[in-house]
Amino acid sequence: MNQILLTLQPLTQNLPAPLPSLLTQLLGPKCYKHLIHDLTLPPQTFTSTLTSTLTSHNTPSPTIPCLKLALSKTLGLGIITASSIVKIPQIIKLIQSQSAAGISFLAYLAETLAYLIGLAYNIRRGFPFSTFGETAFILGQNLVVLGLVLGFGGGEQDKRGDKGKGGKGDKGKGRWGGVAALVVGLVTLGYALFDQRVVGMELLKVLQVGAGVLGVASKAPQIWTVWREGGTGQLSAFAVFNYLAGSLTRIFTTLQEVDDKLILYGFITGFVLNAILAAQMVYYWNSPKTARHAKELGKAPEKIAMGSTTATSSKAKNTTTRRRG
């Protein structure tokens, strides 16, 4: 092991110009020098080093704290990267189906407000971007989903048989006008949250507590909608399972890098609710009201119907089909 480190040291001590600066900003001068520049690691196997990284708390060596920090940064950047596309499958499903069946508008609105407040709170508190960066990406994608759900009229549109007509007629114009009003309202709120003169830090802390409540509120309507409909409709399995993994990872990164109980409790609550939603996704996987989840995750899709909004409407469709046959 020591021989390998000695062989690598000439490389790590002569990295191209941008890398030392970037890695120093990411890990801090002490950990960069210890882990990257000097390659100072204990004379243990990689497995035992990683195990002690996750379990040890009392050690005079900076190796363990620096490895924990490096692991936290790596996981944080991984979450941010994944978050840049986490809602894309959901957006594609909405556009292709021209339907918002199974999607709770209130859930997405509450989640968007919680993310907007959380983004302002983290930035104004000066926390590392690697601990909250996904908030900005998900916030932008949520705005697109909210616009599509409003534009397509939600699940009630399918119930009336107006599927695919979300952008037509006076009702369609009214819906897209609502989209514009929603965007303007959120932009105005965002400006106020980032302006110290409008929203002071003490008020922002109170709002962050409220964001935790909104986080619960954002999942509760979706959980209720899935249970009521007996299926997950157009809800994206990719997004649900990524949220579950992301919230669990964020508990670890917050413990390592952010000394803020408000942030920590928010992620713990989010993980519990995401776990419930993921359990529903598994339970209703083969429900007639769950649309193409197997295909979404790259598996052979089963012949199941697209999500309608009530069991009665599904039975009606089946009856109609039998009569025509």
C-alpha atoms as a PDB file:
ATOM      1  CA  MET A   1       0.000   0.000   0.000  1.00  0.00           C
ATOM      2  CA  ASN A   2       2.779   2.445   0.939  1.00  0.00           C
ATOM      3  CA  GLN A   3       4.619   1.645  -2.277  1.00  0.00           C
ATOM      4  CA  ILE A   4       1.519   2.502  -4.312  1.00  0.00           C
ATOM      5  CA  LEU A   5       1.149   5.815  -2.486  1.00  0.00           C
ATOM      6  CA  LEU A   6       4.817   6.673  -3.097  1.00  0.00           C
ATOM      7  CA  THR A   7       4.328   5.937  -6.783  1.00  0.00           C
ATOM      8  CA  LEU A   8       1.275   8.195  -7.010  1.00  0.00           C
ATOM      9  CA  GLN A   9       2.691  11.130  -5.043  1.00  0.00           C
ATOM     10  CA  PRO A  10       4.589  12.684  -7.984  1.00  0.00           C
ATOM     11  CA  LEU A  11       1.266  12.812  -9.842  1.00  0.00           C
ATOM     12  CA  THR A  12      -0.828  14.214  -6.999  1.00  0.00           C
ATOM     13  CA  GLN A  13       1.803  16.836  -6.188  1.00  0.00           C
ATOM     14  CA  ASN A  14       1.903  18.086  -9.785  1.00  0.00           C
ATOM     15  CA  LEU A  15      -1.747  18.257 -10.777  1.00  0.00           C
ATOM     16  CA  PRO A  16      -2.757  20.628 -13.627  1.00  0.00           C
ATOM     17  CA  ALA A  17      -3.299  24.216 -12.493  1.00  0.00           C
ATOM     18  CA  PRO A  18      -7.108  24.341 -12.077  1.00  0.00           C
ATOM     19  CA  LEU A  19      -7.400  21.120 -10.056  1.00  0.00           C
ATOM     20  CA  PRO A  20      -5.465  22.065  -6.889  1.00  0.00           C
ATOM     21  CA  SER A  21      -7.480  25.257  -6.533  1.00  0.00           C
ATOM     22  CA  LEU A  22     -10.816  23.510  -7.085  1.00  0.00           C
ATOM     23  CA  LEU A  23      -9.990  20.633  -4.748  1.00  0.00           C
ATOM     24  CA  THR A  24      -8.735  23.052  -2.077  1.00  0.00           C
ATOM     25  CA  GLN A  25     -12.023  24.953  -2.236  1.00  0.00           C
ATOM     26  CA  LEU A  26     -13.945  21.681  -2.047  1.00  0.00           C
ATOM     27  CA  LEU A  27     -12.024  19.939   0.748  1.00  0.00           C
ATOM     28  CA  GLY A  28     -10.276  22.832   2.463  1.00  0.00           C
ATOM     29  CA  PRO A  29      -6.483  23.392   2.552  1.00  0.00           C
ATOM     30  CA  LYS A  30      -5.845  20.911   5.383  1.00  0.00           C
ATOM     31  CA  CYS A  31      -7.733  17.969   3.894  1.00  0.00           C
ATOM     32  CA  TYR A  32      -6.487  18.686   0.369  1.00  0.00           C
ATOM     33  CA  LYS A  33      -2.888  18.563   1.552  1.00  0.00           C
ATOM     34  CA  HIS A  34      -3.500  15.494   3.701  1.00  0.00           C
ATOM     35  CA  LEU A  35      -5.521  13.380   1.264  1.00  0.00           C
ATOM     36  CA  ILE A  36      -4.523  14.588  -2.198  1.00  0.00           C
ATOM     37  CA  HIS A  37      -1.168  16.353  -2.134  1.00  0.00           C
ATOM     38  CA  ASP A  38       0.632  14.194   0.435  1.00  0.00           C
ATOM     39  CA  LEU A  39      -1.563  11.067   0.105  1.00  0.00           C
ATOM     40  CA  THR A  40      -1.330  10.507   3.852  1.00  0.00           C
ATOM     41  CA  LEU A  41      -3.362   7.412   4.612  1.00  0.00           C
ATOM     42  CA  PRO A  42      -3.085   4.940   7.506  1.00  0.00           C
ATOM     43  CA  PRO A  43      -1.313   1.619   6.847  1.00  0.00           C
ATOM     44  CA  GLN A  44      -4.624  -0.248   6.471  1.00  0.00           C
ATOM     45  CA  THR A  45      -6.542  -1.821   3.677  1.00  0.00           C
ATOM     46  CA  PHE A  46      -9.025   0.399   1.836  1.00  0.00           C
ATOM     47  CA  THR A  47     -11.938  -1.551   3.305  1.00  0.00           C
ATOM     48  CA  SER A  48     -10.806  -1.137   6.888  1.00  0.00           C
ATOM     49  CA  THR A  49     -10.067   2.548   6.273  1.00  0.00           C
ATOM     50  CA  LEU A  50     -13.566   3.130   4.880  1.00  0.00           C
ATOM     51  CA  THR A  51     -15.124   1.196   7.763  1.00  0.00           C
ATOM     52  CA  SER A  52     -13.276   3.280  10.323  1.00  0.00           C
ATOM     53  CA  THR A  53     -14.257   6.407   8.389  1.00  0.00           C
ATOM     54  CA  LEU A  54     -17.920   5.673   8.934  1.00  0.00           C
ATOM     55  CA  THR A  55     -17.685   4.473  12.539  1.00  0.00           C
ATOM     56  CA  SER A  56     -14.757   6.182  14.264  1.00  0.00           C
ATOM     57  CA  HIS A  57     -15.249   9.473  16.091  1.00  0.00           C
ATOM     58  CA  ASN A  58     -12.193   9.837  18.312  1.00  0.00           C
ATOM     59  CA  THR A  59      -8.834   9.868  16.584  1.00  0.00           C
ATOM     60  CA  PRO A  60      -5.880  12.276  16.690  1.00  0.00           C
ATOM     61  CA  SER A  61      -5.220  11.817  12.965  1.00  0.00           C
ATOM     62  CA  PRO A  62      -6.961  14.132  10.462  1.00  0.00           C
ATOM     63  CA  THR A  63      -7.362  11.177   8.094  1.00  0.00           C
ATOM     64  CA  ILE A  64     -10.757  10.008   9.353  1.00  0.00           C
ATOM     65  CA  PRO A  65     -12.427  13.472   9.461  1.00  0.00           C
ATOM     66  CA  CYS A  66     -10.977  14.293   6.044  1.00  0.00           C
ATOM     67  CA  LEU A  67     -12.191  11.020   4.544  1.00  0.00           C
ATOM     68  CA  LYS A  68     -15.652  11.667   5.957  1.00  0.00           C
ATOM     69  CA  LEU A  69     -15.596  15.129   4.421  1.00  0.00           C
ATOM     70  CA  ALA A  70     -14.410  13.760   1.072  1.00  0.00           C
ATOM     71  CA  LEU A  71     -17.150  11.121   1.111  1.00  0.00           C
ATOM     72  CA  SER A  72     -19.758  13.746   2.003  1.00  0.00           C
ATOM     73  CA  LYS A  73     -18.595  16.041  -0.807  1.00  0.00           C
ATOM     74  CA  THR A  74     -18.623  13.194  -3.319  1.00  0.00           C
ATOM     75  CA  LEU A  75     -22.137  12.138  -2.325  1.00  0.00           C
ATOM     76  CA  GLY A  76     -23.330  15.743  -2.345  1.00  0.00           C
ATOM     77  CA  LEU A  77     -21.999  16.384  -5.849  1.00  0.00           C
ATOM     78  CA  GLY A  78     -23.538  13.091  -6.974  1.00  0.00           C
ATOM     79  CA  ILE A  79     -26.940  14.191  -5.684  1.00  0.00           C
ATOM     80  CA  ILE A  80     -26.614  17.553  -7.432  1.00  0.00           C
ATOM     81  CA  THR A  81     -25.706  15.850 -10.709  1.00  0.00           C
ATOM     82  CA  ALA A  82     -28.623  13.420 -10.473  1.00  0.00           C
ATOM     83  CA  SER A  83     -31.021  16.192  -9.491  1.00  0.00           C
ATOM     84  CA  SER A  84     -30.381  18.006 -12.746  1.00  0.00           C
ATOM     85  CA  ILE A  85     -32.418  15.310 -14.527  1.00  0.00           C
ATOM     86  CA  VAL A  86     -34.498  13.774 -11.726  1.00  0.00           C
ATOM     87  CA  LYS A  87     -37.803  15.311 -12.900  1.00  0.00           C
ATOM     88  CA  ILE A  88     -37.132  14.926 -16.637  1.00  0.00           C
ATOM     89  CA  PRO A  89     -38.892  11.507 -16.828  1.00  0.00           C
ATOM     90  CA  GLN A  90     -41.885  13.042 -15.038  1.00  0.00           C
ATOM     91  CA  ILE A  91     -41.965  15.966 -17.473  1.00  0.00           C
ATOM     92  CA  ILE A  92     -41.711  13.623 -20.468  1.00  0.00           C
ATOM     93  CA  LYS A  93     -44.567  11.447 -19.142  1.00  0.00           C
ATOM     94  CA  LEU A  94     -46.800  14.489 -18.733  1.00  0.00           C
ATOM     95  CA  ILE A  95     -46.055  15.807 -22.218  1.00  0.00           C
ATOM     96  CA  GLN A  96     -46.483  12.440 -23.919  1.00  0.00           C
ATOM     97  CA  SER A  97     -49.726  11.545 -22.138  1.00  0.00           C
ATOM     98  CA  GLN A  98     -51.178  15.087 -22.165  1.00  0.00           C
ATOM     99  CA  SER A  99     -52.570  14.086 -18.787  1.00  0.00           C
ATOM    100  CA  ALA A 100     -51.800  14.894 -15.157  1.00  0.00           C
ATOM    101  CA  ALA A 101     -53.664  11.900 -13.713  1.00  0.00           C
ATOM    102  CA  GLY A 102     -52.199  10.788 -10.386  1.00  0.00           C
ATOM    103  CA  ILE A 103     -50.230  14.031  -9.927  1.00  0.00           C
ATOM    104  CA  SER A 104     -51.155  16.224  -6.982  1.00  0.00           C
ATOM    105  CA  PHE A 105     -50.846  19.917  -7.876  1.00  0.00           C
ATOM    106  CA  LEU A 106     -50.968  20.904  -4.195  1.00  0.00           C
ATOM    107  CA  ALA A 107     -48.135  18.487  -3.424  1.00  0.00           C
ATOM    108  CA  TYR A 108     -45.895  19.992  -6.092  1.00  0.00           C
ATOM    109  CA  LEU A 109     -46.801  23.546  -5.112  1.00  0.00           C
ATOM    110  CA  ALA A 110     -45.991  22.897  -1.441  1.00  0.00           C
ATOM    111  CA  GLU A 111     -42.713  21.213  -2.399  1.00  0.00           C
ATOM    112  CA  THR A 112     -41.778  24.120  -4.666  1.00  0.00           C
ATOM    113  CA  LEU A 113     -42.429  26.675  -1.926  1.00  0.00           C
ATOM    114  CA  ALA A 114     -40.395  24.592   0.542  1.00  0.00           C
ATOM    115  CA  TYR A 115     -37.470  24.392  -1.910  1.00  0.00           C
ATOM    116  CA  LEU A 116     -37.616  28.111  -2.634  1.00  0.00           C
ATOM    117  CA  ILE A 117     -37.461  28.973   1.066  1.00  0.00           C
ATOM    118  CA  GLY A 118     -34.755  26.355   1.666  1.00  0.00           C
ATOM    119  CA  LEU A 119     -32.638  27.670  -1.211  1.00  0.00           C
ATOM    120  CA  ALA A 120     -32.782  31.215   0.151  1.00  0.00           C
ATOM    121  CA  TYR A 121     -32.018  30.004   3.690  1.00  0.00           C
ATOM    122  CA  ASN A 122     -28.987  27.935   2.669  1.00  0.00           C
ATOM    123  CA  ILE A 123     -27.498  30.646   0.476  1.00  0.00           C
ATOM    124  CA  ARG A 124     -27.968  33.397   3.035  1.00  0.00           C
ATOM    125  CA  ARG A 125     -26.506  31.202   5.778  1.00  0.00           C
ATOM    126  CA  GLY A 126     -23.453  30.580   3.595  1.00  0.00           C
ATOM    127  CA  PHE A 127     -23.610  26.776   3.647  1.00  0.00           C
ATOM    128  CA  PRO A 128     -21.501  24.832   1.095  1.00  0.00           C
ATOM    129  CA  PHE A 129     -23.210  24.475  -2.285  1.00  0.00           C
ATOM    130  CA  SER A 130     -22.531  20.730  -2.209  1.00  0.00           C
ATOM    131  CA  THR A 131     -24.990  20.426   0.714  1.00  0.00           C
ATOM    132  CA  PHE A 132     -27.997  22.017  -0.999  1.00  0.00           C
ATOM    133  CA  GLY A 133     -27.255  22.521  -4.716  1.00  0.00           C
ATOM    134  CA  GLU A 134     -29.905  20.068  -5.891  1.00  0.00           C
ATOM    135  CA  THR A 135     -32.555  22.410  -4.475  1.00  0.00           C
ATOM    136  CA  ALA A 136     -31.989  24.893  -7.296  1.00  0.00           C
ATOM    137  CA  PHE A 137     -32.204  22.245 -10.042  1.00  0.00           C
ATOM    138  CA  ILE A 138     -35.319  20.561  -8.634  1.00  0.00           C
ATOM    139  CA  LEU A 139     -36.962  23.943  -8.095  1.00  0.00           C
ATOM    140  CA  GLY A 140     -36.618  24.792 -11.783  1.00  0.00           C
ATOM    141  CA  GLN A 141     -37.960  21.406 -12.879  1.00  0.00           C
ATOM    142  CA  ASN A 142     -40.860  21.686 -10.430  1.00  0.00           C
ATOM    143  CA  LEU A 143     -41.915  24.920 -12.110  1.00  0.00           C
ATOM    144  CA  VAL A 144     -42.158  23.046 -15.415  1.00  0.00           C
ATOM    145  CA  VAL A 145     -44.194  20.221 -13.821  1.00  0.00           C
ATOM    146  CA  LEU A 146     -46.537  22.704 -12.124  1.00  0.00           C
ATOM    147  CA  GLY A 147     -47.071  24.477 -15.432  1.00  0.00           C
ATOM    148  CA  LEU A 148     -47.878  21.232 -17.223  1.00  0.00           C
ATOM    149  CA  VAL A 149     -50.253  20.044 -14.482  1.00  0.00           C
ATOM    150  CA  LEU A 150     -52.115  23.368 -14.639  1.00  0.00           C
ATOM    151  CA  GLY A 151     -52.099  23.344 -18.421  1.00  0.00           C
ATOM    152  CA  PHE A 152     -53.480  19.828 -18.700  1.00  0.00           C
ATOM    153  CA  GLY A 153     -56.089  20.419 -16.012  1.00  0.00           C
ATOM    154  CA  GLY A 154     -55.021  17.594 -13.679  1.00  0.00           C
ATOM    155  CA  GLY A 155     -56.759  14.245 -13.259  1.00  0.00           C
ATOM    156  CA  GLU A 156     -60.219  15.760 -13.542  1.00  0.00           C
ATOM    157  CA  GLN A 157     -59.508  16.422 -17.201  1.00  0.00           C
ATOM    158  CA  ASP A 158     -59.327  12.695 -17.938  1.00  0.00           C
ATOM    159  CA  LYS A 159     -62.543  12.131 -15.997  1.00  0.00           C
ATOM    160  CA  ARG A 160     -64.395  14.545 -18.318  1.00  0.00           C
ATOM    161  CA  GLY A 161     -62.921  12.918 -21.387  1.00  0.00           C
ATOM    162  CA  ASP A 162     -60.960  16.052 -22.396  1.00  0.00           C
ATOM    163  CA  LYS A 163     -57.577  14.379 -22.523  1.00  0.00           C
ATOM    164  CA  GLY A 164     -55.184  16.107 -24.896  1.00  0.00           C
ATOM    165  CA  LYS A 165     -57.178  19.353 -24.995  1.00  0.00           C
ATOM    166  CA  GLY A 166     -55.360  21.164 -22.214  1.00  0.00           C
ATOM    167  CA  GLY A 167     -54.209  23.998 -24.442  1.00  0.00           C
ATOM    168  CA  LYS A 168     -57.423  24.519 -26.479  1.00  0.00           C
ATOM    169  CA  GLY A 169     -60.424  26.754 -26.008  1.00  0.00           C
ATOM    170  CA  ASP A 170     -61.195  29.338 -23.368  1.00  0.00           C
ATOM    171  CA  LYS A 171     -60.562  26.884 -20.511  1.00  0.00           C
ATOM    172  CA  GLY A 172     -57.161  26.037 -21.973  1.00  0.00           C
ATOM    173  CA  LYS A 173     -56.258  29.735 -22.236  1.00  0.00           C
ATOM    174  CA  GLY A 174     -57.357  30.243 -18.656  1.00  0.00           C
ATOM    175  CA  ARG A 175     -55.146  27.395 -17.482  1.00  0.00           C
ATOM    176  CA  TRP A 176     -52.054  28.699 -19.241  1.00  0.00           C
ATOM    177  CA  GLY A 177     -52.848  32.160 -17.884  1.00  0.00           C
ATOM    178  CA  GLY A 178     -52.758  30.540 -14.459  1.00  0.00           C
ATOM    179  CA  VAL A 179     -49.316  29.159 -15.292  1.00  0.00           C
ATOM    180  CA  ALA A 180     -48.036  32.669 -16.050  1.00  0.00           C
ATOM    181  CA  ALA A 181     -49.537  34.020 -12.805  1.00  0.00           C
ATOM    182  CA  LEU A 182     -47.910  31.179 -10.848  1.00  0.00           C
ATOM    183  CA  VAL A 183     -44.461  31.911 -12.285  1.00  0.00           C
ATOM    184  CA  VAL A 184     -44.761  35.645 -11.587  1.00  0.00           C
ATOM    185  CA  GLY A 185     -45.877  34.947  -8.020  1.00  0.00           C
ATOM    186  CA  LEU A 186     -42.987  32.569  -7.305  1.00  0.00           C
ATOM    187  CA  VAL A 187     -40.417  34.930  -8.835  1.00  0.00           C
ATOM    188  CA  THR A 188     -41.743  37.773  -6.669  1.00  0.00           C
ATOM    189  CA  LEU A 189     -41.602  35.595  -3.557  1.00  0.00           C
ATOM    190  CA  GLY A 190     -38.065  34.511  -4.436  1.00  0.00           C
ATOM    191  CA  TYR A 191     -36.923  38.120  -4.750  1.00  0.00           C
ATOM    192  CA  ALA A 192     -38.343  38.912  -1.315  1.00  0.00           C
ATOM    193  CA  LEU A 193     -36.685  35.879   0.310  1.00  0.00           C
ATOM    194  CA  PHE A 194     -33.246  36.766  -1.020  1.00  0.00           C
ATOM    195  CA  ASP A 195     -33.487  40.452  -0.053  1.00  0.00           C
ATOM    196  CA  GLN A 196     -32.359  41.135   3.523  1.00  0.00           C
ATOM    197  CA  ARG A 197     -34.328  44.388   3.521  1.00  0.00           C
ATOM    198  CA  VAL A 198     -37.593  42.579   2.841  1.00  0.00           C
ATOM    199  CA  VAL A 199     -37.125  39.348   4.785  1.00  0.00           C
ATOM    200  CA  GLY A 200     -34.694  39.490   7.694  1.00  0.00           C
ATOM    201  CA  MET A 201     -32.710  36.461   8.857  1.00  0.00           C
ATOM    202  CA  GLU A 202     -34.876  35.892  11.931  1.00  0.00           C
ATOM    203  CA  LEU A 203     -38.003  35.827   9.794  1.00  0.00           C
ATOM    204  CA  LEU A 204     -36.248  33.563   7.306  1.00  0.00           C
ATOM    205  CA  LYS A 205     -35.488  31.092  10.117  1.00  0.00           C
ATOM    206  CA  VAL A 206     -39.196  31.014  10.978  1.00  0.00           C
ATOM    207  CA  LEU A 207     -39.990  30.462   7.304  1.00  0.00           C
ATOM    208  CA  GLN A 208     -37.469  27.622   7.199  1.00  0.00           C
ATOM    209  CA  VAL A 209     -39.405  25.921   9.985  1.00  0.00           C
ATOM    210  CA  GLY A 210     -42.493  26.477   7.892  1.00  0.00           C
ATOM    211  CA  ALA A 211     -40.651  24.960   4.916  1.00  0.00           C
ATOM    212  CA  GLY A 212     -40.229  21.797   6.962  1.00  0.00           C
ATOM    213  CA  VAL A 213     -43.990  21.720   7.473  1.00  0.00           C
ATOM    214  CA  LEU A 214     -44.453  22.338   3.740  1.00  0.00           C
ATOM    215  CA  GLY A 215     -42.108  19.437   3.095  1.00  0.00           C
ATOM    216  CA  VAL A 216     -44.520  17.194   4.982  1.00  0.00           C
ATOM    217  CA  ALA A 217     -47.476  18.833   3.263  1.00  0.00           C
ATOM    218  CA  SER A 218     -45.880  18.309  -0.155  1.00  0.00           C
ATOM    219  CA  LYS A 219     -45.758  14.534   0.293  1.00  0.00           C
ATOM    220  CA  ALA A 220     -48.982  13.995   2.213  1.00  0.00           C
ATOM    221  CA  PRO A 221     -51.357  14.994  -0.654  1.00  0.00           C
ATOM    222  CA  GLN A 222     -49.394  12.817  -3.087  1.00  0.00           C
ATOM    223  CA  ILE A 223     -49.499   9.849  -0.699  1.00  0.00           C
ATOM    224  CA  TRP A 224     -53.237  10.424  -0.231  1.00  0.00           C
ATOM    225  CA  THR A 225     -53.808  10.731  -4.009  1.00  0.00           C
ATOM    226  CA  VAL A 226     -52.021   7.452  -4.711  1.00  0.00           C
ATOM    227  CA  TRP A 227     -53.994   5.655  -1.977  1.00  0.00           C
ATOM    228  CA  ARG A 228     -57.324   7.126  -3.150  1.00  0.00           C
ATOM    229  CA  GLU A 229     -56.723   6.314  -6.822  1.00  0.00           C
ATOM    230  CA  GLY A 230     -55.406   2.814  -6.126  1.00  0.00           C
ATOM    231  CA  GLY A 231     -52.421   3.467  -8.384  1.00  0.00           C
ATOM    232  CA  THR A 232     -49.656   5.961  -9.107  1.00  0.00           C
ATOM    233  CA  GLY A 233     -50.958   7.216 -12.475  1.00  0.00           C
ATOM    234  CA  GLN A 234     -48.350   9.390 -14.216  1.00  0.00           C
ATOM    235  CA  LEU A 235     -46.123   9.619 -11.126  1.00  0.00           C
ATOM    236  CA  SER A 236     -42.496   8.913 -12.075  1.00  0.00           C
ATOM    237  CA  ALA A 237     -40.873   5.912 -10.391  1.00  0.00           C
ATOM    238  CA  PHE A 238     -37.444   7.293 -11.326  1.00  0.00           C
ATOM    239  CA  ALA A 239     -38.148  10.509  -9.405  1.00  0.00           C
ATOM    240  CA  VAL A 240     -39.619   8.736  -6.373  1.00  0.00           C
ATOM    241  CA  PHE A 241     -36.714   6.327  -5.855  1.00  0.00           C
ATOM    242  CA  ASN A 242     -34.120   9.029  -6.525  1.00  0.00           C
ATOM    243  CA  TYR A 243     -35.790  11.219  -3.909  1.00  0.00           C
ATOM    244  CA  LEU A 244     -35.597   8.353  -1.418  1.00  0.00           C
ATOM    245  CA  ALA A 245     -31.877   7.776  -2.014  1.00  0.00           C
ATOM    246  CA  GLY A 246     -31.173  11.500  -2.077  1.00  0.00           C
ATOM    247  CA  SER A 247     -32.922  12.268   1.208  1.00  0.00           C
ATOM    248  CA  LEU A 248     -31.052   9.449   2.957  1.00  0.00           C
ATOM    249  CA  THR A 249     -27.726  10.681   1.588  1.00  0.00           C
ATOM    250  CA  ARG A 250     -28.528  14.241   2.623  1.00  0.00           C
ATOM    251  CA  ILE A 251     -28.900  13.141   6.249  1.00  0.00           C
ATOM    252  CA  PHE A 252     -25.265  11.991   6.149  1.00  0.00           C
ATOM    253  CA  THR A 253     -23.931  15.081   4.347  1.00  0.00           C
ATOM    254  CA  THR A 254     -25.806  17.406   6.706  1.00  0.00           C
ATOM    255  CA  LEU A 255     -24.375  15.657   9.767  1.00  0.00           C
ATOM    256  CA  GLN A 256     -20.884  16.044   8.307  1.00  0.00           C
ATOM    257  CA  GLU A 257     -20.975  19.599   6.968  1.00  0.00           C
ATOM    258  CA  VAL A 258     -23.938  21.607   8.265  1.00  0.00           C
ATOM    259  CA  ASP A 259     -24.470  22.408  11.926  1.00  0.00           C
ATOM    260  CA  ASP A 260     -28.148  23.273  11.597  1.00  0.00           C
ATOM    261  CA  LYS A 261     -30.905  21.222  13.218  1.00  0.00           C
ATOM    262  CA  LEU A 262     -33.604  22.797  11.043  1.00  0.00           C
ATOM    263  CA  ILE A 263     -31.947  21.406   7.913  1.00  0.00           C
ATOM    264  CA  LEU A 264     -31.281  18.002   9.507  1.00  0.00           C
ATOM    265  CA  TYR A 265     -34.814  17.458  10.811  1.00  0.00           C
ATOM    266  CA  GLY A 266     -36.195  18.469   7.436  1.00  0.00           C
ATOM    267  CA  PHE A 267     -34.186  15.768   5.664  1.00  0.00           C
ATOM    268  CA  ILE A 268     -35.124  13.118   8.247  1.00  0.00           C
ATOM    269  CA  THR A 269     -38.823  13.908   7.827  1.00  0.00           C
ATOM    270  CA  GLY A 270     -38.420  13.930   4.059  1.00  0.00           C
ATOM    271  CA  PHE A 271     -36.781  10.512   4.114  1.00  0.00           C
ATOM    272  CA  VAL A 272     -39.657   8.985   6.108  1.00  0.00           C
ATOM    273  CA  LEU A 273     -42.273  10.384   3.717  1.00  0.00           C
ATOM    274  CA  ASN A 274     -40.253   9.422   0.643  1.00  0.00           C
ATOM    275  CA  ALA A 275     -40.019   5.888   2.029  1.00  0.00           C
ATOM    276  CA  ILE A 276     -43.833   5.747   2.316  1.00  0.00           C
ATOM    277  CA  LEU A 277     -44.231   6.990  -1.265  1.00  0.00           C
ATOM    278  CA  ALA A 278     -41.637   4.488  -2.521  1.00  0.00           C
ATOM    279  CA  ALA A 279     -43.479   1.697  -0.691  1.00  0.00           C
ATOM    280  CA  GLN A 280     -46.688   2.756  -2.448  1.00  0.00           C
ATOM    281  CA  MET A 281     -44.862   2.710  -5.778  1.00  0.00           C
ATOM    282  CA  VAL A 282     -43.833  -0.900  -5.159  1.00  0.00           C
ATOM    283  CA  TYR A 283     -47.242  -1.939  -3.808  1.00  0.00           C
ATOM    284  CA  TYR A 284     -49.160  -0.465  -6.763  1.00  0.00           C
ATOM    285  CA  TRP A 285     -46.562  -1.400  -9.377  1.00  0.00           C
ATOM    286  CA  ASN A 286     -48.925  -3.680 -11.345  1.00  0.00           C
ATOM    287  CA  SER A 287     -52.084  -1.695 -10.680  1.00  0.00           C
ATOM    288  CA  PRO A 288     -54.205  -0.902 -13.770  1.00  0.00           C
ATOM    289  CA  LYS A 289     -53.859   2.747 -12.775  1.00  0.00           C
ATOM    290  CA  THR A 290     -50.064   2.772 -12.797  1.00  0.00           C
ATOM    291  CA  ALA A 291     -48.641   3.861 -16.134  1.00  0.00           C
ATOM    292  CA  ARG A 292     -45.593   2.139 -17.649  1.00  0.00           C
ATOM    293  CA  HIS A 293     -43.244   2.088 -14.632  1.00  0.00           C
ATOM    294  CA  ALA A 294     -41.527  -1.076 -15.796  1.00  0.00           C
ATOM    295  CA  LYS A 295     -40.766   0.500 -19.175  1.00  0.00           C
ATOM    296  CA  GLU A 296     -39.554   3.676 -17.471  1.00  0.00           C
ATOM    297  CA  LEU A 297     -36.903   1.735 -15.573  1.00  0.00           C
ATOM    298  CA  GLY A 298     -35.806  -0.236 -18.631  1.00  0.00           C
ATOM    299  CA  LYS A 299     -37.784  -3.422 -17.978  1.00  0.00           C
ATOM    300  CA  ALA A 300     -40.281  -5.170 -20.212  1.00  0.00           C
ATOM    301  CA  PRO A 301     -43.576  -3.294 -19.823  1.00  0.00           C
ATOM    302  CA  GLU A 302     -46.783  -5.113 -18.998  1.00  0.00           C
ATOM    303  CA  LYS A 303     -50.032  -4.372 -20.801  1.00  0.00           C
ATOM    304  CA  ILE A 304     -51.665  -2.109 -18.257  1.00  0.00           C
ATOM    305  CA  ALA A 305     -54.023   0.781 -18.789  1.00  0.00           C
ATOM    306  CA  MET A 306     -53.142   4.427 -18.314  1.00  0.00           C
ATOM    307  CA  GLY A 307     -54.283   5.884 -14.972  1.00  0.00           C
ATOM    308  CA  SER A 308     -57.846   7.096 -14.861  1.00  0.00           C
ATOM    309  CA  THR A 309     -59.193   8.942 -11.871  1.00  0.00           C
ATOM    310  CA  THR A 310     -61.817   6.632 -10.454  1.00  0.00           C
ATOM    311  CA  ALA A 311     -62.490   2.955 -10.306  1.00  0.00           C
ATOM    312  CA  THR A 312     -65.959   3.665 -11.674  1.00  0.00           C
ATOM    313  CA  SER A 313     -64.598   5.262 -14.848  1.00  0.00           C
ATOM    314  CA  SER A 314     -62.301   2.269 -15.417  1.00  0.00           C
ATOM    315  CA  LYS A 315     -65.212  -0.137 -15.114  1.00  0.00           C
ATOM    316  CA  ALA A 316     -67.214   2.017 -17.484  1.00  0.00           C
ATOM    317  CA  LYS A 317     -64.470   1.848 -20.089  1.00  0.00           C
ATOM    318  CA  ASN A 318     -64.264  -1.915 -19.782  1.00  0.00           C
ATOM    319  CA  THR A 319     -68.035  -2.239 -20.162  1.00  0.00           C
ATOM    320  CA  THR A 320     -68.010  -0.040 -23.258  1.00  0.00           C
ATOM    321  CA  THR A 321     -65.253  -2.114 -24.813  1.00  0.00           C
ATOM    322  CA  ARG A 322     -67.158  -5.348 -24.231  1.00  0.00           C
ATOM    323  CA  ARG A 323     -70.291  -3.965 -25.886  1.00  0.00           C
ATOM    324  CA  ARG A 324     -68.367  -2.877 -28.941  1.00  0.00           C
ATOM    325  CA  GLY A 325     -66.692  -6.220 -29.173  1.00  0.00           C
END
